[in-house]
C-alpha atoms as a PDB file:
ATOM      1  CA  MET A   1      21.197 -33.494  19.575  1.00  0.00           C
ATOM      2  CA  LYS A   2      19.156 -30.195  20.057  1.00  0.00           C
ATOM      3  CA  MET A   3      20.880 -28.838  17.998  1.00  0.00           C
ATOM      4  CA  LEU A   4      20.813 -31.515  15.034  1.00  0.00           C
ATOM      5  CA  GLN A   5      16.798 -31.430  15.870  1.00  0.00           C
ATOM      6  CA  LYS A   6      17.054 -27.620  15.262  1.00  0.00           C
ATOM      7  CA  ALA A   7      18.550 -28.132  11.685  1.00  0.00           C
ATOM      8  CA  MET A   8      16.424 -30.407  11.014  1.00  0.00           C
ATOM      9  CA  ILE A   9      12.770 -28.597  12.096  1.00  0.00           C
ATOM     10  CA  ALA A  10      14.735 -25.197   9.958  1.00  0.00           C
ATOM     11  CA  GLY A  11      15.282 -27.879   7.119  1.00  0.00           C
ATOM     12  CA  ALA A  12      11.866 -29.022   7.294  1.00  0.00           C
ATOM     13  CA  LEU A  13      10.186 -25.260   6.850  1.00  0.00           C
ATOM     14  CA  ALA A  14      12.044 -24.166   4.442  1.00  0.00           C
ATOM     15  CA  THR A  15      11.177 -27.327   2.553  1.00  0.00           C
ATOM     16  CA  LEU A  16       8.056 -27.031   2.876  1.00  0.00           C
ATOM     17  CA  ALA A  17       7.818 -23.097   2.070  1.00  0.00           C
ATOM     18  CA  THR A  18       8.790 -23.431  -1.250  1.00  0.00           C
ATOM     19  CA  PRO A  19       6.219 -24.745  -3.580  1.00  0.00           C
ATOM     20  CA  ALA A  20       6.676 -25.491  -6.817  1.00  0.00           C
ATOM     21  CA  PHE A  21       5.237 -22.482  -8.093  1.00  0.00           C
ATOM     22  CA  ALA A  22       7.294 -20.073  -5.934  1.00  0.00           C
ATOM     23  CA  GLY A  23      10.928 -18.550  -6.624  1.00  0.00           C
ATOM     24  CA  ASP A  24      13.142 -19.929  -9.045  1.00  0.00           C
ATOM     25  CA  ALA A  25      16.595 -21.724  -6.540  1.00  0.00           C
ATOM     26  CA  LYS A  26      18.941 -18.981  -6.728  1.00  0.00           C
ATOM     27  CA  ASP A  27      16.553 -17.319  -5.205  1.00  0.00           C
ATOM     28  CA  ILE A  28      16.062 -19.207  -2.170  1.00  0.00           C
ATOM     29  CA  LEU A  29      19.643 -20.088  -1.933  1.00  0.00           C
ATOM     30  CA  LYS A  30      19.976 -16.728  -1.548  1.00  0.00           C
ATOM     31  CA  GLY A  31      17.915 -15.982   0.317  1.00  0.00           C
ATOM     32  CA  GLY A  32      18.983 -18.575   2.887  1.00  0.00           C
ATOM     33  CA  ALA A  33      22.354 -17.342   2.871  1.00  0.00           C
ATOM     34  CA  ILE A  34      21.302 -13.465   3.652  1.00  0.00           C
ATOM     35  CA  GLY A  35      19.661 -14.665   6.639  1.00  0.00           C
ATOM     36  CA  ALA A  36      22.298 -17.030   8.047  1.00  0.00           C
ATOM     37  CA  GLY A  37      24.690 -13.985   8.431  1.00  0.00           C
ATOM     38  CA  GLY A  38      22.058 -12.178  10.090  1.00  0.00           C
ATOM     39  CA  GLY A  39      20.767 -14.976  11.793  1.00  0.00           C
ATOM     40  CA  ALA A  40      24.840 -15.416  12.593  1.00  0.00           C
ATOM     41  CA  VAL A  41      24.910 -12.252  13.618  1.00  0.00           C
ATOM     42  CA  ALA A  42      21.971 -11.949  15.467  1.00  0.00           C
ATOM     43  CA  GLY A  43      23.009 -15.282  17.708  1.00  0.00           C
ATOM     44  CA  ALA A  44      26.644 -13.036  18.595  1.00  0.00           C
ATOM     45  CA  ILE A  45      24.429 -10.545  20.176  1.00  0.00           C
ATOM     46  CA  ILE A  46      21.453 -11.819  21.934  1.00  0.00           C
ATOM     47  CA  PRO A  47      22.345 -13.324  25.034  1.00  0.00           C
ATOM     48  CA  GLY A  48      21.134 -17.138  25.316  1.00  0.00           C
ATOM     49  CA  LEU A  49      20.959 -17.559  21.478  1.00  0.00           C
ATOM     50  CA  GLY A  50      24.114 -19.463  20.052  1.00  0.00           C
ATOM     51  CA  VAL A  51      25.882 -17.909  16.260  1.00  0.00           C
ATOM     52  CA  GLY A  52      24.346 -21.698  15.469  1.00  0.00           C
ATOM     53  CA  GLU A  53      21.720 -21.467  16.198  1.00  0.00           C
ATOM     54  CA  GLY A  54      20.786 -17.726  15.020  1.00  0.00           C
ATOM     55  CA  ALA A  55      22.279 -19.065  11.478  1.00  0.00           C
ATOM     56  CA  LEU A  56      19.235 -21.911  11.664  1.00  0.00           C
ATOM     57  CA  ILE A  57      16.630 -19.548  12.270  1.00  0.00           C
ATOM     58  CA  GLY A  58      17.755 -16.888   9.903  1.00  0.00           C
ATOM     59  CA  GLY A  59      18.496 -19.261   7.682  1.00  0.00           C
ATOM     60  CA  ALA A  60      15.323 -20.705   7.309  1.00  0.00           C
ATOM     61  CA  GLY A  61      13.296 -17.215   7.647  1.00  0.00           C
ATOM     62  CA  GLY A  62      15.545 -15.732   4.800  1.00  0.00           C
ATOM     63  CA  ALA A  63      14.747 -18.832   2.610  1.00  0.00           C
ATOM     64  CA  VAL A  64      11.213 -18.782   2.742  1.00  0.00           C
ATOM     65  CA  ILE A  65      11.274 -14.570   2.096  1.00  0.00           C
ATOM     66  CA  GLY A  66      13.333 -15.573  -1.354  1.00  0.00           C
ATOM     67  CA  ALA A  67      10.502 -18.609  -2.570  1.00  0.00           C
ATOM     68  CA  LEU A  68       7.872 -15.920  -1.699  1.00  0.00           C
ATOM     69  CA  ASP A  69       8.544 -13.276  -3.475  1.00  0.00           C
ATOM     70  CA  LYS A  70       8.513 -13.850  -6.961  1.00  0.00           C
ATOM     71  CA  ASP A  71       8.605 -11.095  -9.035  1.00  0.00           C
ATOM     72  CA  LYS A  72      11.294  -8.528  -7.937  1.00  0.00           C
ATOM     73  CA  LYS A  73      11.284  -5.618  -9.804  1.00  0.00           C
ATOM     74  CA  HIS A  74       7.970  -5.406  -7.682  1.00  0.00           C
ATOM     75  CA  ARG A  75       5.131  -4.669 -11.174  1.00  0.00           C
ATOM     76  CA  ARG A  76       1.403  -4.330 -11.163  1.00  0.00           C
ATOM     77  CA  TRP A  77       0.355  -6.741 -13.016  1.00  0.00           C
ATOM     78  CA  HIS A  78      -3.531  -6.029 -14.866  1.00  0.00           C
ATOM     79  CA  ARG A  79      -5.200  -8.174 -16.471  1.00  0.00           C
ATOM     80  CA  ASP A  80      -6.575  -7.688 -20.050  1.00  0.00           C
ATOM     81  CA  GLY A  81     -10.558  -9.334 -21.004  1.00  0.00           C
ATOM     82  CA  ARG A  82      -9.718 -12.539 -21.991  1.00  0.00           C
ATOM     83  CA  GLY A  83      -8.066 -12.872 -18.727  1.00  0.00           C
ATOM     84  CA  ASN A  84      -4.747 -12.993 -19.428  1.00  0.00           C
ATOM     85  CA  SER A  85      -1.859 -10.661 -16.864  1.00  0.00           C
ATOM     86  CA  TYR A  86       0.081  -7.975 -18.072  1.00  0.00           C
ATOM     87  CA  TYR A  87       2.288  -5.392 -17.317  1.00  0.00           C
ATOM     88  CA  ILE A  88       2.954  -2.076 -18.419  1.00  0.00           C
ATOM     89  CA  ASN A  89       6.619  -1.068 -19.393  1.00  0.00           C
ATOM     90  CA  LYS A  90       8.442   2.378 -19.114  1.00  0.00           C
ATOM     91  CA  HIS A  91       7.670   2.843 -22.710  1.00  0.00           C
ATOM     92  CA  GLY A  92       4.249   2.501 -22.019  1.00  0.00           C
ATOM     93  CA  ARG A  93       3.458  -0.574 -23.785  1.00  0.00           C
ATOM     94  CA  ARG A  94       2.037  -3.823 -21.822  1.00  0.00           C
ATOM     95  CA  VAL A  95       4.055  -6.933 -21.745  1.00  0.00           C
ATOM     96  CA  TYR A  96       2.217  -9.844 -21.355  1.00  0.00           C
ATOM     97  CA  ARG A  97       3.337 -13.043 -18.493  1.00  0.00           C
ATOM     98  CA  ASN A  98       4.257 -16.001 -20.754  1.00  0.00           C
END
């Protein structure tokens, strides 16, 4: 029962951390998978933490990171006089957000 409660908490945290304006589902799932893999390894190494528990904790954390990192190219965004957002591309031109 304890493992089921942890799984439900991890799922609830991942759901709450994914608002509509966050990263897409692909990024969330990818972050969750990477986090689960890292958490499983950490669970195997850290005494007192099981592999499944580590995978759940890491998966929830990875999903949160995948959801919150929206701009994967780490662009620097600016605003023009009308309030529109844009970044400068490698050719020195403004690229406006749709």
